[in-house]
């Protein structure tokens, strides 16, 4: 089966420590409601399962997929999306977002209970993002999609996104010592100034 070209849209949130749990639940629910929009191919939102890097000081995630950049732009400007952003702004302390074009080998809609590890890299000064992509491509780990960020407003200088997909948390945790994954981390590490690494689980609701 030939790869499907899609747009990966990842948003990471840091919710204020003092936030009432009911407001956090409402935030997650409002994000998941956006899956009903026709432009959205896939949407998952919820708490981050695990943060694997010091730079990953976030509590929640939103991951969506679109067929094209115009579809992402239309989603961003959609009244329902703007209403959710406005509704949740008071409880958000920090926000981070990246978008990239990925050639997806796997399913567009991940199975409920499956797991994903996002690695977002900030290149060292003078290092082109393309060098990081080459290093990723040369190591044949279980890559799902990867690419250069094209939305810079909330990316804090991070330029490369990598998504690894797994059947579940157990499989995801099992790759840490595998030779190919260790080699990929080492190759990337020589080229980056900082990385954000978070792991998430697709909610059992499928939203």
Protein backbone atom coordinates (compact mmCIF):
# COMPACT_ATOMS: atom_id res chain seq x y z
CA UNK A 1 0.00 0.00 0.00
CA UNK A 2 1.44 3.37 -0.98
CA UNK A 3 1.88 6.02 1.75
CA UNK A 4 -0.82 8.64 2.29
CA UNK A 5 0.31 12.27 2.46
CA UNK A 6 -1.35 14.01 5.40
CA UNK A 7 -0.89 17.03 7.65
CA UNK A 8 0.11 16.28 11.24
CA UNK A 9 -1.05 18.92 13.74
CA UNK A 10 0.23 18.59 17.32
CA UNK A 11 -0.64 20.98 20.14
CA UNK A 12 0.77 20.62 23.65
CA UNK A 13 -0.77 22.45 26.60
CA UNK A 14 0.37 23.19 30.12
CA UNK A 15 -2.68 23.57 32.35
CA UNK A 16 -2.32 25.87 35.36
CA UNK A 17 -1.58 23.92 38.56
CA UNK A 18 -4.48 25.52 40.42
CA UNK A 19 -7.10 24.48 37.86
CA UNK A 20 -10.17 22.67 39.14
CA UNK A 21 -10.29 19.09 37.76
CA UNK A 22 -13.80 19.68 36.39
CA UNK A 23 -12.46 22.51 34.20
CA UNK A 24 -9.69 20.24 32.91
CA UNK A 25 -12.25 17.57 32.02
CA UNK A 26 -14.32 20.22 30.24
CA UNK A 27 -11.26 21.33 28.29
CA UNK A 28 -10.51 17.81 27.09
CA UNK A 29 -14.16 17.25 26.21
CA UNK A 30 -14.33 20.47 24.20
CA UNK A 31 -11.21 19.52 22.26
CA UNK A 32 -12.60 16.09 21.47
CA UNK A 33 -15.85 17.64 20.24
CA UNK A 34 -13.90 19.11 17.31
CA UNK A 35 -13.60 15.60 15.83
CA UNK A 36 -17.11 16.14 14.43
CA UNK A 37 -15.84 18.77 11.97
CA UNK A 38 -15.82 17.43 8.41
CA UNK A 39 -12.23 18.56 7.76
CA UNK A 40 -10.81 16.45 10.59
CA UNK A 41 -9.52 13.01 9.56
CA UNK A 42 -8.43 12.06 13.09
CA UNK A 43 -8.46 13.76 16.48
CA UNK A 44 -7.19 12.58 19.84
CA UNK A 45 -6.96 14.71 22.98
CA UNK A 46 -6.23 14.07 26.63
CA UNK A 47 -3.54 14.02 29.30
CA UNK A 48 0.03 13.24 28.30
CA UNK A 49 0.92 9.68 29.28
CA UNK A 50 4.61 10.38 29.92
CA UNK A 51 7.09 13.21 29.43
CA UNK A 52 10.50 11.93 28.40
CA UNK A 53 12.54 15.14 28.19
CA UNK A 54 13.13 18.16 30.46
CA UNK A 55 11.79 20.50 27.77
CA UNK A 56 8.45 18.66 27.69
CA UNK A 57 6.85 20.66 30.49
CA UNK A 58 3.28 20.06 29.30
CA UNK A 59 0.24 18.29 30.73
CA UNK A 60 -2.16 17.68 27.82
CA UNK A 61 -2.13 17.15 24.07
CA UNK A 62 -4.26 17.54 20.97
CA UNK A 63 -3.30 15.59 17.83
CA UNK A 64 -5.22 15.98 14.60
CA UNK A 65 -4.74 15.00 10.97
CA UNK A 66 -5.86 16.71 7.77
CA UNK A 67 -5.61 15.99 4.07
CA UNK A 68 -4.10 19.37 3.18
CA UNK A 69 -2.77 22.68 4.47
CA UNK A 70 -5.97 24.49 3.35
CA UNK A 71 -8.01 22.03 5.45
CA UNK A 72 -5.83 22.80 8.49
CA UNK A 73 -6.24 26.54 7.85
CA UNK A 74 -10.02 26.15 7.57
CA UNK A 75 -10.10 24.16 10.82
CA UNK A 76 -8.02 26.82 12.59
CA UNK A 77 -10.44 29.57 11.48
CA UNK A 78 -13.62 27.53 12.10
CA UNK A 79 -15.99 29.16 14.63
CA UNK A 80 -16.20 25.93 16.67
CA UNK A 81 -12.42 25.78 16.98
CA UNK A 82 -12.17 29.45 17.89
CA UNK A 83 -14.86 28.98 20.54
CA UNK A 84 -12.91 26.11 22.12
CA UNK A 85 -9.70 28.18 22.13
CA UNK A 86 -11.49 31.11 23.78
CA UNK A 87 -13.24 28.86 26.32
CA UNK A 88 -10.05 27.21 27.51
CA UNK A 89 -7.62 30.14 27.39
CA UNK A 90 -8.03 31.06 31.11
CA UNK A 91 -6.69 27.70 32.33
CA UNK A 92 -3.79 27.39 29.86
CA UNK A 93 -0.40 28.51 31.19
CA UNK A 94 1.63 27.58 28.11
CA UNK A 95 0.96 26.26 24.62
CA UNK A 96 3.13 24.76 21.91
CA UNK A 97 2.19 23.69 18.38
CA UNK A 98 3.85 22.23 15.30
CA UNK A 99 2.57 21.11 11.90
CA UNK A 100 4.27 18.99 9.29
CA UNK A 101 3.55 17.15 6.06
CA UNK A 102 3.96 13.42 6.60
CA UNK A 103 3.85 10.39 4.31
CA UNK A 104 1.87 8.00 6.46
CA UNK A 105 2.46 4.26 6.11
CA UNK A 106 0.03 3.32 8.87
CA UNK A 107 -3.66 3.91 9.42
CA UNK A 108 -4.85 7.51 9.32
CA UNK A 109 -7.04 6.90 12.37
CA UNK A 110 -5.03 5.12 15.11
CA UNK A 111 -6.79 2.37 17.04
CA UNK A 112 -8.16 3.19 20.50
CA UNK A 113 -5.58 2.20 23.09
CA UNK A 114 -2.67 2.55 20.67
CA UNK A 115 0.27 4.69 21.73
CA UNK A 116 2.32 7.41 20.07
CA UNK A 117 5.68 8.96 20.89
CA UNK A 118 6.27 12.47 19.54
CA UNK A 119 9.82 13.78 19.24
CA UNK A 120 10.04 17.45 18.30
CA UNK A 121 13.57 18.76 17.62
CA UNK A 122 15.14 22.20 17.71
CA UNK A 123 18.22 22.15 15.43
CA UNK A 124 21.57 23.38 16.67
CA UNK A 125 22.43 26.84 15.37
CA UNK A 126 23.55 26.52 11.77
CA UNK A 127 22.15 23.00 11.34
CA UNK A 128 19.53 22.75 8.58
CA UNK A 129 16.37 20.86 9.50
CA UNK A 130 16.99 18.69 6.43
CA UNK A 131 20.06 17.18 8.14
CA UNK A 132 17.91 15.96 11.02
CA UNK A 133 15.41 14.47 8.60
CA UNK A 134 18.24 12.67 6.81
CA UNK A 135 19.51 11.26 10.10
CA UNK A 136 16.03 10.01 10.95
CA UNK A 137 15.54 8.47 7.52
CA UNK A 138 18.86 6.61 7.63
CA UNK A 139 17.89 4.68 10.77
CA UNK A 140 15.10 2.20 10.12
CA UNK A 141 13.21 2.35 13.39
CA UNK A 142 9.41 2.17 13.64
CA UNK A 143 8.83 5.66 12.21
CA UNK A 144 5.27 6.58 11.40
CA UNK A 145 5.69 10.07 10.00
CA UNK A 146 8.20 12.88 10.15
CA UNK A 147 8.73 16.27 8.56
CA UNK A 148 9.68 19.94 8.89
CA UNK A 149 7.35 22.22 10.84
CA UNK A 150 5.68 24.85 8.63
CA UNK A 151 3.82 26.82 11.35
CA UNK A 152 6.25 28.87 13.41
CA UNK A 153 4.03 31.06 15.59
CA UNK A 154 3.85 28.71 18.60
CA UNK A 155 6.75 26.34 17.85
CA UNK A 156 9.39 28.10 19.99
CA UNK A 157 12.11 27.45 17.41
CA UNK A 158 11.44 23.71 17.06
CA UNK A 159 11.57 22.67 13.42
CA UNK A 160 11.35 18.88 13.02
CA UNK A 161 8.52 16.58 14.06
CA UNK A 162 8.75 12.79 14.37
CA UNK A 163 5.90 10.45 15.29
CA UNK A 164 6.45 6.83 16.27
CA UNK A 165 3.34 4.65 16.46
CA UNK A 166 2.80 1.55 18.60
CA UNK A 167 0.02 -0.94 19.26
CA UNK A 168 -0.02 0.06 22.92
CA UNK A 169 2.01 1.27 25.89
CA UNK A 170 3.76 -2.08 26.39
CA UNK A 171 5.15 -2.11 22.85
CA UNK A 172 6.16 1.55 23.12
CA UNK A 173 8.12 0.97 26.32
CA UNK A 174 9.75 -2.12 24.81
CA UNK A 175 11.61 -0.24 22.05
CA UNK A 176 13.76 1.89 24.34
CA UNK A 177 16.68 -0.52 24.37
CA UNK A 178 16.42 -1.64 20.76
CA UNK A 179 19.52 -0.99 18.68
CA UNK A 180 17.75 0.91 15.89
CA UNK A 181 15.96 3.27 18.26
CA UNK A 182 19.11 3.95 20.30
CA UNK A 183 20.98 4.66 17.04
CA UNK A 184 18.30 7.10 15.92
CA UNK A 185 18.35 8.98 19.23
CA UNK A 186 22.15 9.23 19.04
CA UNK A 187 22.14 10.46 15.44
CA UNK A 188 19.53 13.10 16.24
CA UNK A 189 21.29 14.10 19.45
CA UNK A 190 24.38 15.21 17.57
CA UNK A 191 22.33 17.68 15.51
CA UNK A 192 19.86 19.25 17.94
CA UNK A 193 19.91 21.93 20.60
CA UNK A 194 16.84 20.58 22.40
CA UNK A 195 14.07 18.01 22.01
CA UNK A 196 10.54 17.71 23.32
CA UNK A 197 9.56 14.05 23.75
CA UNK A 198 6.09 13.09 24.94
CA UNK A 199 4.11 9.87 24.86
CA UNK A 200 0.33 9.74 24.50
CA UNK A 201 -2.37 7.09 24.37
CA UNK A 202 -5.32 7.27 21.98
CA UNK A 203 -8.44 7.36 24.18
CA UNK A 204 -10.58 4.24 24.27
CA UNK A 205 -13.50 6.34 23.07
CA UNK A 206 -11.66 6.73 19.77
CA UNK A 207 -12.07 10.52 19.92
